[in-house]
PDB file of N, CA and C in Angstrom:
ATOM      1  N   MET A   1      68.922  88.007 106.529  1.00  0.00           N
ATOM      2  CA  MET A   1      69.753  89.008 106.381  1.00  0.00           C
ATOM      3  C   MET A   1      70.114  89.168 105.058  1.00  0.00           C
ATOM      4  N   LYS A   2      69.795  90.485 103.960  1.00  0.00           N
ATOM      5  CA  LYS A   2      70.175  90.811 103.295  1.00  0.00           C
ATOM      6  C   LYS A   2      71.412  91.742 103.495  1.00  0.00           C
ATOM      7  N   ARG A   3      72.131  91.409 102.839  1.00  0.00           N
ATOM      8  CA  ARG A   3      73.426  92.125 102.995  1.00  0.00           C
ATOM      9  C   ARG A   3      73.660  93.580 101.890  1.00  0.00           C
ATOM     10  N   HIS A   4      73.796  94.416 102.424  1.00  0.00           N
ATOM     11  CA  HIS A   4      74.284  95.872 101.444  1.00  0.00           C
ATOM     12  C   HIS A   4      75.534  95.227 100.374  1.00  0.00           C
ATOM     13  N   PRO A   5      75.116  96.035  99.292  1.00  0.00           N
ATOM     14  CA  PRO A   5      76.110  95.409  97.783  1.00  0.00           C
ATOM     15  C   PRO A   5      77.358  96.256  98.309  1.00  0.00           C
ATOM     16  N   LEU A   6      77.552  97.269  99.038  1.00  0.00           N
ATOM     17  CA  LEU A   6      78.490  97.915  99.140  1.00  0.00           C
ATOM     18  C   LEU A   6      79.944  96.772  99.985  1.00  0.00           C
ATOM     19  N   LEU A   7      79.393  96.734 100.895  1.00  0.00           N
ATOM     20  CA  LEU A   7      79.508  95.630 101.880  1.00  0.00           C
ATOM     21  C   LEU A   7      80.396  94.615 101.062  1.00  0.00           C
ATOM     22  N   THR A   8      79.370  93.903 100.866  1.00  0.00           N
ATOM     23  CA  THR A   8      79.544  92.500  99.629  1.00  0.00           C
ATOM     24  C   THR A   8      80.760  92.454  98.366  1.00  0.00           C
ATOM     25  N   GLY A   9      80.850  93.698  97.933  1.00  0.00           N
ATOM     26  CA  GLY A   9      81.600  94.017  96.738  1.00  0.00           C
ATOM     27  C   GLY A   9      83.001  94.448  97.462  1.00  0.00           C
ATOM     28  N   LEU A  10      82.950  94.910  98.744  1.00  0.00           N
ATOM     29  CA  LEU A  10      84.371  95.148  99.399  1.00  0.00           C
ATOM     30  C   LEU A  10      85.064  94.246  99.615  1.00  0.00           C
ATOM     31  N   GLY A  11      83.835  92.819 100.285  1.00  0.00           N
ATOM     32  CA  GLY A  11      84.759  92.147 100.874  1.00  0.00           C
ATOM     33  C   GLY A  11      85.043  90.711  99.974  1.00  0.00           C
ATOM     34  N   GLN A  12      84.535  91.062  98.523  1.00  0.00           N
ATOM     35  CA  GLN A  12      84.874  90.577  97.192  1.00  0.00           C
ATOM     36  C   GLN A  12      86.212  91.179  96.755  1.00  0.00           C
ATOM     37  N   ARG A  13      86.031  92.129  96.956  1.00  0.00           N
ATOM     38  CA  ARG A  13      87.674  92.499  96.691  1.00  0.00           C
ATOM     39  C   ARG A  13      88.734  92.261  97.601  1.00  0.00           C
ATOM     40  N   ILE A  14      88.600  92.691  98.728  1.00  0.00           N
ATOM     41  CA  ILE A  14      89.830  91.644  99.604  1.00  0.00           C
ATOM     42  C   ILE A  14      89.640  90.488  99.524  1.00  0.00           C
ATOM     43  N   ARG A  15      88.477  89.302  99.432  1.00  0.00           N
ATOM     44  CA  ARG A  15      88.819  88.054  99.181  1.00  0.00           C
ATOM     45  C   ARG A  15      89.886  87.891  98.009  1.00  0.00           C
ATOM     46  N   GLU A  16      89.841  88.430  96.963  1.00  0.00           N
ATOM     47  CA  GLU A  16      90.779  88.721  95.907  1.00  0.00           C
ATOM     48  C   GLU A  16      92.267  88.765  96.004  1.00  0.00           C
ATOM     49  N   TYR A  17      92.467  90.146  96.567  1.00  0.00           N
ATOM     50  CA  TYR A  17      93.258  90.746  97.178  1.00  0.00           C
ATOM     51  C   TYR A  17      94.483  89.754  97.865  1.00  0.00           C
ATOM     52  N   ARG A  18      93.637  89.000  98.971  1.00  0.00           N
ATOM     53  CA  ARG A  18      94.516  88.249  99.807  1.00  0.00           C
ATOM     54  C   ARG A  18      94.445  86.798  99.087  1.00  0.00           C
ATOM     55  N   LYS A  19      93.830  86.629  98.088  1.00  0.00           N
ATOM     56  CA  LYS A  19      94.174  85.168  97.307  1.00  0.00           C
ATOM     57  C   LYS A  19      95.395  85.375  96.360  1.00  0.00           C
ATOM     58  N   ALA A  20      95.368  86.493  95.718  1.00  0.00           N
ATOM     59  CA  ALA A  20      96.392  86.943  94.935  1.00  0.00           C
ATOM     60  C   ALA A  20      97.732  86.663  95.636  1.00  0.00           C
ATOM     61  N   ARG A  21      97.609  87.305  97.019  1.00  0.00           N
ATOM     62  CA  ARG A  21      99.209  86.985  97.694  1.00  0.00           C
ATOM     63  C   ARG A  21      99.115  85.604  98.089  1.00  0.00           C
ATOM     64  N   GLY A  22      98.308  84.786  97.838  1.00  0.00           N
ATOM     65  CA  GLY A  22      98.360  83.342  98.713  1.00  0.00           C
ATOM     66  C   GLY A  22      97.956  82.757  99.705  1.00  0.00           C
ATOM     67  N   LEU A  23      97.601  84.031 100.556  1.00  0.00           N
ATOM     68  CA  LEU A  23      97.134  83.662 101.633  1.00  0.00           C
ATOM     69  C   LEU A  23      96.128  83.368 102.007  1.00  0.00           C
ATOM     70  N   SER A  24      95.708  82.728 103.308  1.00  0.00           N
ATOM     71  CA  SER A  24      94.674  81.791 103.694  1.00  0.00           C
ATOM     72  C   SER A  24      93.722  83.056 104.899  1.00  0.00           C
ATOM     73  N   GLN A  25      92.809  83.152 104.877  1.00  0.00           N
ATOM     74  CA  GLN A  25      92.362  84.084 105.955  1.00  0.00           C
ATOM     75  C   GLN A  25      93.091  83.771 107.557  1.00  0.00           C
ATOM     76  N   GLU A  26      93.254  82.463 107.548  1.00  0.00           N
ATOM     77  CA  GLU A  26      94.164  82.664 108.738  1.00  0.00           C
ATOM     78  C   GLU A  26      95.056  83.357 108.962  1.00  0.00           C
ATOM     79  N   ALA A  27      96.094  83.256 107.870  1.00  0.00           N
ATOM     80  CA  ALA A  27      97.834  84.149 107.774  1.00  0.00           C
ATOM     81  C   ALA A  27      97.382  85.218 107.555  1.00  0.00           C
ATOM     82  N   PHE A  28      96.433  85.485 106.753  1.00  0.00           N
ATOM     83  CA  PHE A  28      96.335  87.283 106.143  1.00  0.00           C
ATOM     84  C   PHE A  28      95.346  87.909 107.286  1.00  0.00           C
ATOM     85  N   ALA A  29      94.817  87.353 108.151  1.00  0.00           N
ATOM     86  CA  ALA A  29      94.358  87.637 109.867  1.00  0.00           C
ATOM     87  C   ALA A  29      95.569  87.900 110.509  1.00  0.00           C
ATOM     88  N   ALA A  30      96.339  86.965 110.482  1.00  0.00           N
ATOM     89  CA  ALA A  30      97.187  87.049 111.409  1.00  0.00           C
ATOM     90  C   ALA A  30      98.424  88.230 111.257  1.00  0.00           C
ATOM     91  N   GLU A  31      98.684  88.540 110.361  1.00  0.00           N
ATOM     92  CA  GLU A  31      99.662  89.240 109.519  1.00  0.00           C
ATOM     93  C   GLU A  31      98.848  90.545 109.924  1.00  0.00           C
ATOM     94  N   CYS A  32      97.931  90.961 109.862  1.00  0.00           N
ATOM     95  CA  CYS A  32      96.832  92.285 109.890  1.00  0.00           C
ATOM     96  C   CYS A  32      96.611  92.416 111.557  1.00  0.00           C
ATOM     97  N   GLY A  33      96.786  91.410 112.566  1.00  0.00           N
ATOM     98  CA  GLY A  33      96.128  91.380 113.862  1.00  0.00           C
ATOM     99  C   GLY A  33      94.958  91.374 114.020  1.00  0.00           C
ATOM    100  N   LEU A  34      94.199  90.744 113.396  1.00  0.00           N
ATOM    101  CA  LEU A  34      92.788  90.712 113.535  1.00  0.00           C
ATOM    102  C   LEU A  34      92.321  89.116 113.135  1.00  0.00           C
ATOM    103  N   ASP A  35      91.096  89.173 113.827  1.00  0.00           N
ATOM    104  CA  ASP A  35      90.940  87.333 113.991  1.00  0.00           C
ATOM    105  C   ASP A  35      90.323  87.066 112.614  1.00  0.00           C
ATOM    106  N   ARG A  36      90.441  85.902 112.608  1.00  0.00           N
ATOM    107  CA  ARG A  36      89.965  85.323 111.564  1.00  0.00           C
ATOM    108  C   ARG A  36      88.513  85.147 110.872  1.00  0.00           C
ATOM    109  N   THR A  37      87.642  85.072 112.111  1.00  0.00           N
ATOM    110  CA  THR A  37      86.329  85.023 112.046  1.00  0.00           C
ATOM    111  C   THR A  37      85.993  86.273 111.672  1.00  0.00           C
ATOM    112  N   TYR A  38      86.549  87.634 111.966  1.00  0.00           N
ATOM    113  CA  TYR A  38      86.236  89.095 111.571  1.00  0.00           C
ATOM    114  C   TYR A  38      86.585  89.043 110.158  1.00  0.00           C
ATOM    115  N   ILE A  39      87.415  88.630 109.455  1.00  0.00           N
ATOM    116  CA  ILE A  39      88.157  88.873 107.922  1.00  0.00           C
ATOM    117  C   ILE A  39      87.100  87.954 107.101  1.00  0.00           C
ATOM    118  N   GLY A  40      86.777  86.512 107.613  1.00  0.00           N
ATOM    119  CA  GLY A  40      85.504  86.004 107.057  1.00  0.00           C
ATOM    120  C   GLY A  40      84.369  86.791 106.953  1.00  0.00           C
ATOM    121  N   GLY A  41      84.248  87.510 107.774  1.00  0.00           N
ATOM    122  CA  GLY A  41      82.486  88.133 108.030  1.00  0.00           C
ATOM    123  C   GLY A  41      82.562  89.460 106.994  1.00  0.00           C
ATOM    124  N   ILE A  42      83.802  89.866 106.914  1.00  0.00           N
ATOM    125  CA  ILE A  42      83.910  91.101 106.311  1.00  0.00           C
ATOM    126  C   ILE A  42      84.511  90.356 104.703  1.00  0.00           C
ATOM    127  N   GLU A  43      84.661  89.243 104.169  1.00  0.00           N
ATOM    128  CA  GLU A  43      85.030  88.831 103.141  1.00  0.00           C
ATOM    129  C   GLU A  43      83.389  88.378 102.849  1.00  0.00           C
ATOM    130  N   ARG A  44      82.697  88.011 103.256  1.00  0.00           N
ATOM    131  CA  ARG A  44      81.097  87.881 102.983  1.00  0.00           C
ATOM    132  C   ARG A  44      79.872  88.584 102.981  1.00  0.00           C
ATOM    133  N   GLY A  45      80.989  90.447 103.393  1.00  0.00           N
ATOM    134  CA  GLY A  45      79.757  91.296 103.048  1.00  0.00           C
ATOM    135  C   GLY A  45      78.623  91.316 104.668  1.00  0.00           C
ATOM    136  N   GLU A  46      79.392  90.699 105.492  1.00  0.00           N
ATOM    137  CA  GLU A  46      78.288  90.713 106.985  1.00  0.00           C
ATOM    138  C   GLU A  46      78.649  91.547 108.121  1.00  0.00           C
ATOM    139  N   ARG A  47      79.991  92.321 107.343  1.00  0.00           N
ATOM    140  CA  ARG A  47      80.696  93.138 108.620  1.00  0.00           C
ATOM    141  C   ARG A  47      80.906  94.980 108.099  1.00  0.00           C
ATOM    142  N   ASN A  48      80.533  95.457 108.776  1.00  0.00           N
ATOM    143  CA  ASN A  48      80.374  96.773 108.079  1.00  0.00           C
ATOM    144  C   ASN A  48      82.067  97.581 109.235  1.00  0.00           C
ATOM    145  N   VAL A  49      82.948  97.406 108.250  1.00  0.00           N
ATOM    146  CA  VAL A  49      84.243  97.591 108.666  1.00  0.00           C
ATOM    147  C   VAL A  49      84.701  99.143 109.185  1.00  0.00           C
ATOM    148  N   ALA A  50      85.207  99.556 110.579  1.00  0.00           N
ATOM    149  CA  ALA A  50      85.543 100.582 110.564  1.00  0.00           C
ATOM    150  C   ALA A  50      86.719 100.834 110.076  1.00  0.00           C
ATOM    151  N   ILE A  51      86.844 102.157 109.759  1.00  0.00           N
ATOM    152  CA  ILE A  51      88.142 102.910 108.890  1.00  0.00           C
ATOM    153  C   ILE A  51      89.304 102.465 109.379  1.00  0.00           C
ATOM    154  N   LEU A  52      89.627 102.116 110.728  1.00  0.00           N
ATOM    155  CA  LEU A  52      90.740 101.862 110.994  1.00  0.00           C
ATOM    156  C   LEU A  52      91.476 100.932 110.676  1.00  0.00           C
ATOM    157  N   ASN A  53      90.347  99.775 110.791  1.00  0.00           N
ATOM    158  CA  ASN A  53      90.315  98.300 109.929  1.00  0.00           C
ATOM    159  C   ASN A  53      90.264  98.105 108.726  1.00  0.00           C
ATOM    160  N   LEU A  54      89.953  99.151 108.174  1.00  0.00           N
ATOM    161  CA  LEU A  54      89.900  99.347 106.529  1.00  0.00           C
ATOM    162  C   LEU A  54      91.580  99.588 106.253  1.00  0.00           C
ATOM    163  N   ALA A  55      92.353 100.438 107.440  1.00  0.00           N
ATOM    164  CA  ALA A  55      93.654 100.879 106.876  1.00  0.00           C
ATOM    165  C   ALA A  55      94.789  99.562 107.401  1.00  0.00           C
ATOM    166  N   VAL A  56      94.267  98.965 108.039  1.00  0.00           N
ATOM    167  CA  VAL A  56      95.216  97.886 108.703  1.00  0.00           C
ATOM    168  C   VAL A  56      94.843  96.578 107.502  1.00  0.00           C
ATOM    169  N   ILE A  57      93.924  96.162 107.008  1.00  0.00           N
ATOM    170  CA  ILE A  57      93.776  95.459 105.839  1.00  0.00           C
ATOM    171  C   ILE A  57      94.220  95.915 104.539  1.00  0.00           C
ATOM    172  N   ALA A  58      93.986  96.947 104.315  1.00  0.00           N
ATOM    173  CA  ALA A  58      94.674  97.375 102.996  1.00  0.00           C
ATOM    174  C   ALA A  58      96.330  97.990 103.299  1.00  0.00           C
ATOM    175  N   GLN A  59      97.013  98.030 104.209  1.00  0.00           N
ATOM    176  CA  GLN A  59      98.286  97.677 104.154  1.00  0.00           C
ATOM    177  C   GLN A  59      98.611  96.235 104.204  1.00  0.00           C
ATOM    178  N   GLY A  60      97.825  95.318 104.721  1.00  0.00           N
ATOM    179  CA  GLY A  60      98.389  93.900 104.474  1.00  0.00           C
ATOM    180  C   GLY A  60      98.193  93.129 103.824  1.00  0.00           C
ATOM    181  N   LEU A  61      96.547  93.833 102.681  1.00  0.00           N
ATOM    182  CA  LEU A  61      97.156  93.805 101.256  1.00  0.00           C
ATOM    183  C   LEU A  61      98.184  94.268 100.223  1.00  0.00           C
ATOM    184  N   GLU A  62      98.940  95.368 101.192  1.00  0.00           N
ATOM    185  CA  GLU A  62      99.703  96.235 100.120  1.00  0.00           C
ATOM    186  C   GLU A  62      99.658  97.408  99.056  1.00  0.00           C
ATOM    187  N   ILE A  63      98.654  97.711  99.848  1.00  0.00           N
ATOM    188  CA  ILE A  63      97.598  98.634  98.638  1.00  0.00           C
ATOM    189  C   ILE A  63      97.544  99.338  99.317  1.00  0.00           C
ATOM    190  N   SER A  64      96.869 100.722  98.603  1.00  0.00           N
ATOM    191  CA  SER A  64      96.245 102.328  99.119  1.00  0.00           C
ATOM    192  C   SER A  64      94.777 102.027  99.307  1.00  0.00           C
ATOM    193  N   MET A  65      94.416 102.537 100.417  1.00  0.00           N
ATOM    194  CA  MET A  65      93.102 102.135 100.692  1.00  0.00           C
ATOM    195  C   MET A  65      91.834 102.810  99.440  1.00  0.00           C
ATOM    196  N   SER A  66      92.703 104.123  98.621  1.00  0.00           N
ATOM    197  CA  SER A  66      92.042 104.147  97.553  1.00  0.00           C
ATOM    198  C   SER A  66      92.020 103.041  96.779  1.00  0.00           C
ATOM    199  N   GLU A  67      92.795 102.316  96.558  1.00  0.00           N
ATOM    200  CA  GLU A  67      92.587 101.400  95.422  1.00  0.00           C
ATOM    201  C   GLU A  67      91.647 100.588  96.231  1.00  0.00           C
ATOM    202  N   LEU A  68      91.309  99.825  97.479  1.00  0.00           N
ATOM    203  CA  LEU A  68      90.849  98.886  97.738  1.00  0.00           C
ATOM    204  C   LEU A  68      89.026  99.509  97.728  1.00  0.00           C
ATOM    205  N   LEU A  69      89.253 100.527  97.957  1.00  0.00           N
ATOM    206  CA  LEU A  69      87.667 101.064  97.881  1.00  0.00           C
ATOM    207  C   LEU A  69      87.183 101.556  96.501  1.00  0.00           C
ATOM    208  N   SER A  70      88.392 101.936  95.217  1.00  0.00           N
ATOM    209  CA  SER A  70      88.211 102.419  93.896  1.00  0.00           C
ATOM    210  C   SER A  70      87.069 101.270  93.387  1.00  0.00           C
ATOM    211  N   ASP A  71      85.900 102.455  92.608  1.00  0.00           N
ATOM    212  CA  ASP A  71      84.825 102.131  92.036  1.00  0.00           C
ATOM    213  C   ASP A  71      83.877 100.654  92.484  1.00  0.00           C
ATOM    214  N   LEU A  72      83.648 100.906  94.088  1.00  0.00           N
ATOM    215  CA  LEU A  72      83.022 100.056  94.603  1.00  0.00           C
ATOM    216  C   LEU A  72      81.500 100.740  94.645  1.00  0.00           C
TER     217      LEU A  72
END
């Protein structure tokens, strides 16, 4: 399955911010109240993320949604 460049770019950005905070996928997912496999799917560009989940993820990364989505 071909992944959309927007989803892969978003996933890479989330992974970079998560790692910069020193969090594993499991720890980050727990902090956000989301499933670890869901976070993994997002980071691999396999999931089309709902806006509410993007808000939760941005909050967990301690950044704004605009910063998360900037220049994708």
